[in-house]
C-alpha atoms as a PDB file:
ATOM      1  CA  MET A   1      -1.792 -18.673  33.249  1.00  0.00           C
ATOM      2  CA  GLU A   2       0.058 -19.435  30.012  1.00  0.00           C
ATOM      3  CA  LYS A   3       0.166 -16.558  27.540  1.00  0.00           C
ATOM      4  CA  ILE A   4      -1.749 -16.851  24.276  1.00  0.00           C
ATOM      5  CA  GLY A   5       0.514 -17.627  21.336  1.00  0.00           C
ATOM      6  CA  VAL A   6       0.831 -15.064  18.507  1.00  0.00           C
ATOM      7  CA  TRP A   7       2.539 -15.886  15.204  1.00  0.00           C
ATOM      8  CA  LEU A   8       4.431 -12.958  13.620  1.00  0.00           C
ATOM      9  CA  THR A   9       4.694 -13.429   9.859  1.00  0.00           C
ATOM     10  CA  CYS A  10       7.637 -11.028   9.415  1.00  0.00           C
ATOM     11  CA  PRO A  11       9.851  -8.631  11.369  1.00  0.00           C
ATOM     12  CA  ILE A  12       7.689  -5.695  12.390  1.00  0.00           C
ATOM     13  CA  SER A  13       8.620  -2.669  14.482  1.00  0.00           C
ATOM     14  CA  LYS A  14      10.361  -3.190  17.800  1.00  0.00           C
ATOM     15  CA  TYR A  15       7.641  -1.080  19.394  1.00  0.00           C
ATOM     16  CA  LEU A  16       4.925  -3.479  18.231  1.00  0.00           C
ATOM     17  CA  GLN A  17       6.909  -6.549  19.229  1.00  0.00           C
ATOM     18  CA  ASP A  18       7.529  -5.112  22.695  1.00  0.00           C
ATOM     19  CA  GLU A  19       3.853  -4.224  23.164  1.00  0.00           C
ATOM     20  CA  LEU A  20       2.759  -7.689  22.032  1.00  0.00           C
ATOM     21  CA  ALA A  21       5.327  -9.407  24.243  1.00  0.00           C
ATOM     22  CA  LYS A  22       3.836  -7.750  27.330  1.00  0.00           C
ATOM     23  CA  ARG A  23       0.608  -9.654  26.768  1.00  0.00           C
ATOM     24  CA  PHE A  24       1.296 -12.637  24.498  1.00  0.00           C
ATOM     25  CA  HIS A  25       3.830 -15.334  23.754  1.00  0.00           C
ATOM     26  CA  LEU A  26       5.430 -14.472  20.425  1.00  0.00           C
ATOM     27  CA  PHE A  27       6.466 -16.938  17.734  1.00  0.00           C
ATOM     28  CA  LYS A  28       8.680 -15.134  15.212  1.00  0.00           C
ATOM     29  CA  SER A  29       8.657 -16.736  11.782  1.00  0.00           C
ATOM     30  CA  TRP A  30      12.094 -15.394  10.871  1.00  0.00           C
ATOM     31  CA  GLU A  31      13.701 -17.091  13.880  1.00  0.00           C
ATOM     32  CA  ILE A  32      12.654 -20.588  12.839  1.00  0.00           C
ATOM     33  CA  PRO A  33      15.723 -22.583  11.692  1.00  0.00           C
ATOM     34  CA  ILE A  34      16.129 -23.094   7.954  1.00  0.00           C
ATOM     35  CA  PRO A  35      14.131 -26.197   6.946  1.00  0.00           C
ATOM     36  CA  SER A  36      16.054 -29.458   6.794  1.00  0.00           C
ATOM     37  CA  PRO A  37      15.005 -33.136   6.768  1.00  0.00           C
ATOM     38  CA  SER A  38      15.184 -33.220  10.569  1.00  0.00           C
ATOM     39  CA  ASN A  39      14.203 -29.674  11.416  1.00  0.00           C
ATOM     40  CA  ASP A  40      11.614 -27.876   9.324  1.00  0.00           C
ATOM     41  CA  THR A  41       8.655 -25.572   9.582  1.00  0.00           C
ATOM     42  CA  ASP A  42       6.194 -28.466   9.545  1.00  0.00           C
ATOM     43  CA  ASN A  43       7.841 -29.943  12.630  1.00  0.00           C
ATOM     44  CA  PHE A  44       7.659 -26.570  14.339  1.00  0.00           C
ATOM     45  CA  PHE A  45       3.937 -26.265  13.682  1.00  0.00           C
ATOM     46  CA  ASN A  46       3.336 -29.848  14.812  1.00  0.00           C
ATOM     47  CA  GLN A  47       4.930 -28.926  18.113  1.00  0.00           C
ATOM     48  CA  HIS A  48       3.463 -25.441  18.658  1.00  0.00           C
ATOM     49  CA  SER A  49       0.437 -24.985  16.396  1.00  0.00           C
ATOM     50  CA  HIS A  50      -2.171 -25.622  19.085  1.00  0.00           C
ATOM     51  CA  SER A  51      -0.832 -22.813  21.252  1.00  0.00           C
ATOM     52  CA  ILE A  52      -0.983 -20.229  18.451  1.00  0.00           C
ATOM     53  CA  ARG A  53      -4.356 -18.485  18.435  1.00  0.00           C
ATOM     54  CA  ALA A  54      -3.483 -15.262  16.610  1.00  0.00           C
ATOM     55  CA  VAL A  55      -1.461 -14.085  13.632  1.00  0.00           C
ATOM     56  CA  VAL A  56       0.034 -10.625  13.177  1.00  0.00           C
ATOM     57  CA  GLY A  57       1.279  -9.647   9.723  1.00  0.00           C
ATOM     58  CA  ASN A  58       1.443  -6.663   7.400  1.00  0.00           C
ATOM     59  CA  GLY A  59       0.556  -5.682   3.853  1.00  0.00           C
ATOM     60  CA  ALA A  60       3.358  -7.748   2.347  1.00  0.00           C
ATOM     61  CA  HIS A  61       3.282 -10.765   4.662  1.00  0.00           C
ATOM     62  CA  GLY A  62      -0.245 -11.750   5.595  1.00  0.00           C
ATOM     63  CA  ALA A  63      -1.768 -15.180   6.018  1.00  0.00           C
ATOM     64  CA  ASP A  64      -2.339 -17.469   3.052  1.00  0.00           C
ATOM     65  CA  SER A  65      -4.403 -20.626   2.994  1.00  0.00           C
ATOM     66  CA  ALA A  66      -1.427 -22.841   3.885  1.00  0.00           C
ATOM     67  CA  LEU A  67      -0.603 -20.863   7.036  1.00  0.00           C
ATOM     68  CA  ILE A  68      -4.235 -20.744   8.107  1.00  0.00           C
ATOM     69  CA  GLN A  69      -4.604 -24.512   7.576  1.00  0.00           C
ATOM     70  CA  SER A  70      -1.481 -25.223   9.643  1.00  0.00           C
ATOM     71  CA  LEU A  71      -2.838 -23.375  12.689  1.00  0.00           C
ATOM     72  CA  PRO A  72      -5.889 -25.346  13.884  1.00  0.00           C
ATOM     73  CA  CYS A  73      -6.522 -23.065  16.867  1.00  0.00           C
ATOM     74  CA  LEU A  74      -6.227 -19.787  14.967  1.00  0.00           C
ATOM     75  CA  GLU A  75      -8.957 -17.325  15.973  1.00  0.00           C
ATOM     76  CA  ILE A  76      -7.851 -13.929  14.673  1.00  0.00           C
ATOM     77  CA  ILE A  77      -5.508 -12.244  12.189  1.00  0.00           C
ATOM     78  CA  SER A  78      -4.609  -8.685  13.167  1.00  0.00           C
ATOM     79  CA  SER A  79      -2.976  -6.957  10.210  1.00  0.00           C
ATOM     80  CA  HIS A  80      -0.517  -4.103  10.664  1.00  0.00           C
ATOM     81  CA  SER A  81      -1.809  -2.600   7.408  1.00  0.00           C
ATOM     82  CA  SER A  82      -4.919  -1.401   5.635  1.00  0.00           C
ATOM     83  CA  GLY A  83      -4.210  -3.683   2.667  1.00  0.00           C
ATOM     84  CA  LEU A  84      -5.674  -7.173   2.894  1.00  0.00           C
ATOM     85  CA  ASP A  85      -4.634  -8.696  -0.439  1.00  0.00           C
ATOM     86  CA  GLN A  86      -2.107 -10.988   1.299  1.00  0.00           C
ATOM     87  CA  ILE A  87      -4.744 -12.554   3.560  1.00  0.00           C
ATOM     88  CA  ASP A  88      -6.984 -15.372   2.356  1.00  0.00           C
ATOM     89  CA  LEU A  89     -10.252 -13.769   3.433  1.00  0.00           C
ATOM     90  CA  VAL A  90     -12.338 -16.541   1.890  1.00  0.00           C
ATOM     91  CA  LYS A  91     -10.590 -19.159   4.012  1.00  0.00           C
ATOM     92  CA  CYS A  92     -10.977 -16.954   7.088  1.00  0.00           C
ATOM     93  CA  LYS A  93     -14.727 -16.701   6.525  1.00  0.00           C
ATOM     94  CA  GLU A  94     -14.969 -20.465   6.023  1.00  0.00           C
ATOM     95  CA  LYS A  95     -13.185 -21.161   9.316  1.00  0.00           C
ATOM     96  CA  GLY A  96     -14.743 -18.322  11.311  1.00  0.00           C
ATOM     97  CA  ILE A  97     -11.417 -16.547  11.805  1.00  0.00           C
ATOM     98  CA  ARG A  98     -11.693 -12.846  12.586  1.00  0.00           C
ATOM     99  CA  VAL A  99      -9.605 -10.331  10.626  1.00  0.00           C
ATOM    100  CA  THR A 100      -8.756  -6.756  11.559  1.00  0.00           C
ATOM    101  CA  SER A 101      -6.734  -4.000   9.878  1.00  0.00           C
ATOM    102  CA  THR A 102      -5.446  -0.514  10.708  1.00  0.00           C
ATOM    103  CA  PRO A 103      -7.336   1.764   8.297  1.00  0.00           C
ATOM    104  CA  ASP A 104      -7.782   5.206   9.826  1.00  0.00           C
ATOM    105  CA  THR A 105      -4.391   5.412  11.510  1.00  0.00           C
ATOM    106  CA  LEU A 106      -2.508   5.695   8.216  1.00  0.00           C
ATOM    107  CA  THR A 107      -4.862   7.758   6.045  1.00  0.00           C
ATOM    108  CA  ASP A 108      -3.141  11.109   6.531  1.00  0.00           C
ATOM    109  CA  GLU A 109       0.401   9.811   5.994  1.00  0.00           C
ATOM    110  CA  VAL A 110      -0.433   8.007   2.757  1.00  0.00           C
ATOM    111  CA  ALA A 111      -2.446  10.960   1.445  1.00  0.00           C
ATOM    112  CA  ASP A 112       0.434  13.304   2.279  1.00  0.00           C
ATOM    113  CA  LEU A 113       2.850  11.076   0.372  1.00  0.00           C
ATOM    114  CA  ALA A 114       0.545  10.994  -2.651  1.00  0.00           C
ATOM    115  CA  VAL A 115       0.592  14.791  -2.827  1.00  0.00           C
ATOM    116  CA  LEU A 116       4.352  14.808  -2.273  1.00  0.00           C
ATOM    117  CA  LEU A 117       4.829  12.379  -5.181  1.00  0.00           C
ATOM    118  CA  ILE A 118       2.603  14.518  -7.402  1.00  0.00           C
ATOM    119  CA  LEU A 119       4.632  17.633  -6.666  1.00  0.00           C
ATOM    120  CA  ALA A 120       7.990  15.886  -6.937  1.00  0.00           C
ATOM    121  CA  THR A 121       7.080  14.142 -10.190  1.00  0.00           C
ATOM    122  CA  VAL A 122       5.424  16.995 -12.030  1.00  0.00           C
ATOM    123  CA  ARG A 123       8.083  19.536 -10.973  1.00  0.00           C
ATOM    124  CA  ARG A 124      10.915  16.936 -11.292  1.00  0.00           C
ATOM    125  CA  ILE A 125      12.268  17.760  -7.847  1.00  0.00           C
ATOM    126  CA  CYS A 126      14.560  14.729  -7.647  1.00  0.00           C
ATOM    127  CA  ALA A 127      16.099  15.574 -11.013  1.00  0.00           C
ATOM    128  CA  CYS A 128      16.533  19.168  -9.797  1.00  0.00           C
ATOM    129  CA  ASP A 129      18.336  17.882  -6.715  1.00  0.00           C
ATOM    130  CA  ARG A 130      20.722  15.803  -8.836  1.00  0.00           C
ATOM    131  CA  PHE A 131      21.221  18.773 -11.171  1.00  0.00           C
ATOM    132  CA  VAL A 132      22.490  20.912  -8.295  1.00  0.00           C
ATOM    133  CA  ARG A 133      24.518  18.177  -6.566  1.00  0.00           C
ATOM    134  CA  ASN A 134      26.284  17.218  -9.800  1.00  0.00           C
ATOM    135  CA  GLY A 135      27.379  20.807 -10.450  1.00  0.00           C
ATOM    136  CA  MET A 136      25.324  21.109 -13.622  1.00  0.00           C
ATOM    137  CA  TRP A 137      23.724  24.422 -12.623  1.00  0.00           C
ATOM    138  CA  LYS A 138      26.956  26.213 -13.526  1.00  0.00           C
ATOM    139  CA  GLN A 139      26.475  25.040 -17.105  1.00  0.00           C
ATOM    140  CA  GLY A 140      22.984  26.493 -17.463  1.00  0.00           C
ATOM    141  CA  ASP A 141      19.495  26.570 -15.972  1.00  0.00           C
ATOM    142  CA  PHE A 142      17.359  23.482 -15.371  1.00  0.00           C
ATOM    143  CA  LYS A 143      14.833  22.877 -18.124  1.00  0.00           C
ATOM    144  CA  LEU A 144      11.267  24.073 -17.669  1.00  0.00           C
ATOM    145  CA  THR A 145       8.709  21.739 -16.118  1.00  0.00           C
ATOM    146  CA  THR A 146       4.940  22.202 -15.794  1.00  0.00           C
ATOM    147  CA  LYS A 147       2.714  23.465 -12.991  1.00  0.00           C
ATOM    148  CA  VAL A 148       0.652  21.358 -10.606  1.00  0.00           C
ATOM    149  CA  SER A 149      -2.029  23.890  -9.638  1.00  0.00           C
ATOM    150  CA  GLY A 150      -5.145  23.686 -11.743  1.00  0.00           C
ATOM    151  CA  LYS A 151      -4.325  20.356 -13.356  1.00  0.00           C
ATOM    152  CA  PRO A 152      -7.311  17.972 -13.490  1.00  0.00           C
ATOM    153  CA  VAL A 153      -6.727  15.009 -11.185  1.00  0.00           C
ATOM    154  CA  GLY A 154      -8.362  11.606 -11.435  1.00  0.00           C
ATOM    155  CA  ILE A 155      -8.388   9.322  -8.396  1.00  0.00           C
ATOM    156  CA  ILE A 156      -8.977   5.585  -8.619  1.00  0.00           C
ATOM    157  CA  GLY A 157     -10.642   4.620  -5.359  1.00  0.00           C
ATOM    158  CA  LEU A 158     -12.458   7.236  -3.303  1.00  0.00           C
ATOM    159  CA  GLY A 159     -12.253   5.523   0.070  1.00  0.00           C
ATOM    160  CA  ARG A 160     -10.577   6.969   3.153  1.00  0.00           C
ATOM    161  CA  ILE A 161      -7.235   7.570   1.480  1.00  0.00           C
ATOM    162  CA  GLY A 162      -8.623   8.635  -1.894  1.00  0.00           C
ATOM    163  CA  SER A 163     -10.926  11.138  -0.217  1.00  0.00           C
ATOM    164  CA  ALA A 164      -8.074  12.521   1.882  1.00  0.00           C
ATOM    165  CA  ILE A 165      -5.972  12.973  -1.269  1.00  0.00           C
ATOM    166  CA  ALA A 166      -8.845  14.758  -2.998  1.00  0.00           C
ATOM    167  CA  LYS A 167      -9.329  17.090  -0.034  1.00  0.00           C
ATOM    168  CA  ARG A 168      -5.657  18.075  -0.108  1.00  0.00           C
ATOM    169  CA  LEU A 169      -5.693  18.688  -3.846  1.00  0.00           C
ATOM    170  CA  GLU A 170      -8.621  21.064  -3.570  1.00  0.00           C
ATOM    171  CA  ALA A 171      -6.051  23.545  -2.205  1.00  0.00           C
ATOM    172  CA  PHE A 172      -4.317  23.405  -5.610  1.00  0.00           C
ATOM    173  CA  ASN A 173      -7.537  24.404  -7.411  1.00  0.00           C
ATOM    174  CA  SER A 174      -7.460  21.108  -9.265  1.00  0.00           C
ATOM    175  CA  PRO A 175     -10.701  19.789 -10.773  1.00  0.00           C
ATOM    176  CA  ILE A 176     -11.107  16.361  -9.178  1.00  0.00           C
ATOM    177  CA  SER A 177     -12.833  13.317 -10.620  1.00  0.00           C
ATOM    178  CA  TYR A 178     -12.786   9.676  -9.635  1.00  0.00           C
ATOM    179  CA  HIS A 179     -13.604   6.061 -10.404  1.00  0.00           C
ATOM    180  CA  SER A 180     -14.654   3.571  -7.737  1.00  0.00           C
ATOM    181  CA  ARG A 181     -16.810   0.473  -7.341  1.00  0.00           C
ATOM    182  CA  SER A 182     -19.840   2.692  -6.877  1.00  0.00           C
ATOM    183  CA  GLU A 183     -20.666   6.347  -7.355  1.00  0.00           C
ATOM    184  CA  LYS A 184     -20.471   8.576  -4.279  1.00  0.00           C
ATOM    185  CA  PRO A 185     -22.921  11.431  -5.016  1.00  0.00           C
ATOM    186  CA  ASP A 186     -22.166  13.220  -1.746  1.00  0.00           C
ATOM    187  CA  SER A 187     -18.469  13.602  -2.590  1.00  0.00           C
ATOM    188  CA  GLY A 188     -19.006  16.587  -4.854  1.00  0.00           C
ATOM    189  CA  TYR A 189     -16.533  15.162  -7.394  1.00  0.00           C
ATOM    190  CA  LYS A 190     -17.222  13.991 -10.943  1.00  0.00           C
ATOM    191  CA  TYR A 191     -17.627  10.232 -11.301  1.00  0.00           C
ATOM    192  CA  TYR A 192     -16.469   8.207 -14.297  1.00  0.00           C
ATOM    193  CA  PRO A 193     -17.787   4.651 -14.690  1.00  0.00           C
ATOM    194  CA  ASN A 194     -14.530   3.338 -16.171  1.00  0.00           C
ATOM    195  CA  VAL A 195     -10.838   4.055 -15.720  1.00  0.00           C
ATOM    196  CA  VAL A 196     -10.073   4.785 -19.386  1.00  0.00           C
ATOM    197  CA  GLU A 197     -12.615   7.603 -19.416  1.00  0.00           C
ATOM    198  CA  LEU A 198     -11.216   8.911 -16.134  1.00  0.00           C
ATOM    199  CA  ALA A 199      -7.666   8.877 -17.526  1.00  0.00           C
ATOM    200  CA  SER A 200      -8.778  10.616 -20.713  1.00  0.00           C
ATOM    201  CA  ASN A 201     -10.069  13.518 -18.636  1.00  0.00           C
ATOM    202  CA  SER A 202      -7.123  13.746 -16.235  1.00  0.00           C
ATOM    203  CA  GLU A 203      -3.577  15.051 -16.388  1.00  0.00           C
ATOM    204  CA  ILE A 204      -2.655  13.421 -13.084  1.00  0.00           C
ATOM    205  CA  LEU A 205      -3.981   9.955 -12.258  1.00  0.00           C
ATOM    206  CA  VAL A 206      -3.657   8.641  -8.700  1.00  0.00           C
ATOM    207  CA  VAL A 207      -4.127   4.985  -7.763  1.00  0.00           C
ATOM    208  CA  ALA A 208      -5.601   4.724  -4.259  1.00  0.00           C
ATOM    209  CA  CYS A 209      -7.820   1.637  -4.361  1.00  0.00           C
ATOM    210  CA  SER A 210      -7.488  -1.790  -2.759  1.00  0.00           C
ATOM    211  CA  LEU A 211      -5.782  -4.573  -4.689  1.00  0.00           C
ATOM    212  CA  THR A 212      -8.307  -7.229  -5.707  1.00  0.00           C
ATOM    213  CA  LYS A 213      -8.724  -9.524  -8.693  1.00  0.00           C
ATOM    214  CA  SER A 214     -10.729  -6.809 -10.419  1.00  0.00           C
ATOM    215  CA  THR A 215      -8.155  -4.068  -9.779  1.00  0.00           C
ATOM    216  CA  HIS A 216      -5.067  -6.114 -10.650  1.00  0.00           C
ATOM    217  CA  HIS A 217      -3.350  -4.296 -13.549  1.00  0.00           C
ATOM    218  CA  ILE A 218      -6.135  -1.736 -13.585  1.00  0.00           C
ATOM    219  CA  ILE A 219      -3.446   0.532 -15.041  1.00  0.00           C
ATOM    220  CA  ASN A 220      -2.778  -1.090 -18.422  1.00  0.00           C
ATOM    221  CA  ARG A 221      -1.683   0.107 -21.848  1.00  0.00           C
ATOM    222  CA  GLU A 222      -5.139   1.466 -22.731  1.00  0.00           C
ATOM    223  CA  VAL A 223      -5.313   3.535 -19.538  1.00  0.00           C
ATOM    224  CA  ILE A 224      -1.733   4.776 -19.925  1.00  0.00           C
ATOM    225  CA  ASP A 225      -2.342   5.830 -23.522  1.00  0.00           C
ATOM    226  CA  ALA A 226      -5.548   7.591 -22.449  1.00  0.00           C
ATOM    227  CA  LEU A 227      -3.530   9.555 -19.881  1.00  0.00           C
ATOM    228  CA  GLY A 228      -1.041  10.433 -22.611  1.00  0.00           C
ATOM    229  CA  PRO A 229       2.377  12.047 -23.008  1.00  0.00           C
ATOM    230  CA  LYS A 230       1.438  15.058 -20.884  1.00  0.00           C
ATOM    231  CA  GLY A 231      -0.059  12.908 -18.141  1.00  0.00           C
ATOM    232  CA  PHE A 232       1.395  11.729 -14.839  1.00  0.00           C
ATOM    233  CA  LEU A 233       0.686   8.528 -12.912  1.00  0.00           C
ATOM    234  CA  VAL A 234       1.043   8.291  -9.125  1.00  0.00           C
ATOM    235  CA  ASN A 235       0.647   4.952  -7.346  1.00  0.00           C
ATOM    236  CA  ILE A 236       0.396   4.723  -3.560  1.00  0.00           C
ATOM    237  CA  GLY A 237      -1.869   1.641  -3.651  1.00  0.00           C
ATOM    238  CA  ARG A 238      -0.186  -1.657  -4.482  1.00  0.00           C
ATOM    239  CA  GLY A 239       2.352  -2.560  -7.135  1.00  0.00           C
ATOM    240  CA  GLY A 240      -0.036  -5.088  -8.643  1.00  0.00           C
ATOM    241  CA  HIS A 241      -2.340  -2.277  -9.738  1.00  0.00           C
ATOM    242  CA  VAL A 242       0.058  -1.402 -12.550  1.00  0.00           C
ATOM    243  CA  ASP A 243       1.194  -3.479 -15.515  1.00  0.00           C
ATOM    244  CA  GLU A 244       4.855  -2.587 -14.979  1.00  0.00           C
ATOM    245  CA  PRO A 245       6.239  -3.607 -18.413  1.00  0.00           C
ATOM    246  CA  GLU A 246       3.584  -1.416 -20.053  1.00  0.00           C
ATOM    247  CA  LEU A 247       4.398   1.467 -17.712  1.00  0.00           C
ATOM    248  CA  VAL A 248       8.131   1.166 -18.369  1.00  0.00           C
ATOM    249  CA  SER A 249       7.697   1.108 -22.145  1.00  0.00           C
ATOM    250  CA  ALA A 250       5.336   4.104 -22.044  1.00  0.00           C
ATOM    251  CA  LEU A 251       7.820   6.148 -19.995  1.00  0.00           C
ATOM    252  CA  VAL A 252      10.801   5.170 -22.139  1.00  0.00           C
ATOM    253  CA  GLU A 253       8.913   5.866 -25.373  1.00  0.00           C
ATOM    254  CA  GLY A 254       7.498   9.181 -24.134  1.00  0.00           C
ATOM    255  CA  ARG A 255       3.877   8.022 -24.271  1.00  0.00           C
ATOM    256  CA  LEU A 256       3.507   9.039 -20.590  1.00  0.00           C
ATOM    257  CA  GLY A 257       4.788  12.253 -19.064  1.00  0.00           C
ATOM    258  CA  GLY A 258       6.015  10.837 -15.771  1.00  0.00           C
ATOM    259  CA  ALA A 259       5.299   8.619 -12.771  1.00  0.00           C
ATOM    260  CA  GLY A 260       5.601   8.801  -8.988  1.00  0.00           C
ATOM    261  CA  LEU A 261       5.724   5.317  -7.486  1.00  0.00           C
ATOM    262  CA  ASP A 262       5.771   4.222  -3.857  1.00  0.00           C
ATOM    263  CA  VAL A 263       4.868   0.601  -4.620  1.00  0.00           C
ATOM    264  CA  PHE A 264       6.068  -2.014  -7.092  1.00  0.00           C
ATOM    265  CA  GLU A 265       4.807  -5.347  -8.313  1.00  0.00           C
ATOM    266  CA  HIS A 266       7.778  -7.429  -7.137  1.00  0.00           C
ATOM    267  CA  GLU A 267       9.127  -5.513  -4.155  1.00  0.00           C
ATOM    268  CA  PRO A 268      11.908  -4.896  -3.383  1.00  0.00           C
ATOM    269  CA  ASP A 269      12.812  -5.453  -7.052  1.00  0.00           C
ATOM    270  CA  VAL A 270      12.275  -2.374  -9.219  1.00  0.00           C
ATOM    271  CA  PRO A 271      12.426  -2.431 -13.036  1.00  0.00           C
ATOM    272  CA  GLU A 272      15.974  -1.407 -13.957  1.00  0.00           C
ATOM    273  CA  GLN A 273      14.819   0.905 -16.728  1.00  0.00           C
ATOM    274  CA  LEU A 274      13.004   3.129 -14.224  1.00  0.00           C
ATOM    275  CA  ILE A 275      16.189   3.921 -12.299  1.00  0.00           C
ATOM    276  CA  GLY A 276      17.722   6.265 -14.858  1.00  0.00           C
ATOM    277  CA  LEU A 277      14.590   8.155 -15.876  1.00  0.00           C
ATOM    278  CA  ASP A 278      14.417  11.802 -14.784  1.00  0.00           C
ATOM    279  CA  ASN A 279      10.629  11.856 -15.149  1.00  0.00           C
ATOM    280  CA  VAL A 280      10.149   9.152 -12.515  1.00  0.00           C
ATOM    281  CA  VAL A 281      10.191   9.511  -8.721  1.00  0.00           C
ATOM    282  CA  LEU A 282      10.700   6.299  -6.758  1.00  0.00           C
ATOM    283  CA  SER A 283      10.169   5.638  -3.064  1.00  0.00           C
ATOM    284  CA  PRO A 284      10.493   2.311  -1.190  1.00  0.00           C
ATOM    285  CA  HIS A 285       6.879   1.713  -0.051  1.00  0.00           C
ATOM    286  CA  VAL A 286       7.076   4.312   2.725  1.00  0.00           C
ATOM    287  CA  GLY A 287       3.492   5.576   2.715  1.00  0.00           C
ATOM    288  CA  THR A 288       3.003   4.742   6.392  1.00  0.00           C
ATOM    289  CA  CYS A 289       6.628   5.044   7.476  1.00  0.00           C
ATOM    290  CA  THR A 290       6.572   7.704  10.149  1.00  0.00           C
ATOM    291  CA  VAL A 291       7.162   7.090  13.836  1.00  0.00           C
ATOM    292  CA  GLU A 292       3.771   8.506  14.783  1.00  0.00           C
ATOM    293  CA  THR A 293       1.762   6.483  12.280  1.00  0.00           C
ATOM    294  CA  ARG A 294       3.565   3.204  12.868  1.00  0.00           C
ATOM    295  CA  GLU A 295       3.036   3.493  16.622  1.00  0.00           C
ATOM    296  CA  ALA A 296      -0.653   4.261  16.117  1.00  0.00           C
ATOM    297  CA  MET A 297      -0.948   1.247  13.809  1.00  0.00           C
ATOM    298  CA  ALA A 298       0.840  -0.954  16.346  1.00  0.00           C
ATOM    299  CA  ASP A 299      -1.442   0.223  19.155  1.00  0.00           C
ATOM    300  CA  LEU A 300      -4.479  -0.689  17.058  1.00  0.00           C
ATOM    301  CA  VAL A 301      -3.092  -4.139  16.238  1.00  0.00           C
ATOM    302  CA  VAL A 302      -2.629  -4.820  19.946  1.00  0.00           C
ATOM    303  CA  ALA A 303      -5.988  -3.298  20.905  1.00  0.00           C
ATOM    304  CA  ASN A 304      -7.823  -5.560  18.455  1.00  0.00           C
ATOM    305  CA  LEU A 305      -6.127  -8.649  19.873  1.00  0.00           C
ATOM    306  CA  VAL A 306      -6.852  -7.608  23.446  1.00  0.00           C
ATOM    307  CA  ALA A 307     -10.489  -6.925  22.572  1.00  0.00           C
ATOM    308  CA  HIS A 308     -10.881 -10.312  20.891  1.00  0.00           C
ATOM    309  CA  PHE A 309      -9.394 -12.322  23.735  1.00  0.00           C
ATOM    310  CA  SER A 310     -11.414 -10.286  26.263  1.00  0.00           C
ATOM    311  CA  ASN A 311     -14.641 -11.111  24.382  1.00  0.00           C
ATOM    312  CA  GLU A 312     -15.158  -7.454  23.549  1.00  0.00           C
ATOM    313  CA  PRO A 313     -16.110  -5.939  20.161  1.00  0.00           C
ATOM    314  CA  LEU A 314     -13.236  -5.572  17.703  1.00  0.00           C
ATOM    315  CA  LEU A 315     -12.187  -2.003  16.965  1.00  0.00           C
ATOM    316  CA  THR A 316     -11.648  -2.363  13.201  1.00  0.00           C
ATOM    317  CA  PRO A 317     -13.118  -5.656  12.025  1.00  0.00           C
ATOM    318  CA  VAL A 318     -12.885  -6.740   8.386  1.00  0.00           C
ATOM    319  CA  VAL A 319     -14.204 -10.318   8.727  1.00  0.00           C
END
């Protein structure tokens, strides 16, 4: 029996590709020849589209309307990510295409990184490292920073990841408050109905919500100014949550105390002005980048596909 065709939108881990290849016929987007008048992507889809019944992508390379339209037999999109902003969910609902993600597998890793960024940013650990490596310690002590413990923390988005971050920060005796689409009375944390008010009452502001039209640039000049020159911003959500030019100007002008950023609006491009700032910690979107988490995510991607094509309930359905 011919294997079901699966379209991979981008290079994903060898482990995932190997696990998929055991069960499916893989079509790798990056191996398609560069389009030319006689050999282009359209011709490829005309030849193979009817054998492709599933798409596997990630948070950066999902499935837009054009891809969905070009695959007439598409039944399911299994995302190797918890973020769904790169998938046209409206089109999927219209066409009855199922969508799955990998939410619980990555919660701990992303929450751990958020706390790591808080500590590294507030205590300027990367600047300390450069200070020692560059031999500057011999010229005098590193300048004083500020403590993390006890600082009020505001979290935007109290879902799985936001809640896990809050739980970790309780160990630092930090008063925790949050903003989300709806109040969560059982959380035990203080709720603010808007982000500006949350920022005004926080010294550390963590972005942990999904990227949607309503949360795009949720961190703007008003929010940054409310956080203030003694405040710190940490973003482990999506780059599009932050108005980057406003963030850069606030950091350069001293209107914001510092920032820890794992995501950027135009990855892998990072605003040049951020590179030389000692009050900024930068990481290359590595929130889920551990061997254990990536394998767990891959296993869930495969399990959802197997369940779908076995007519069994999906493990983590979104649509």
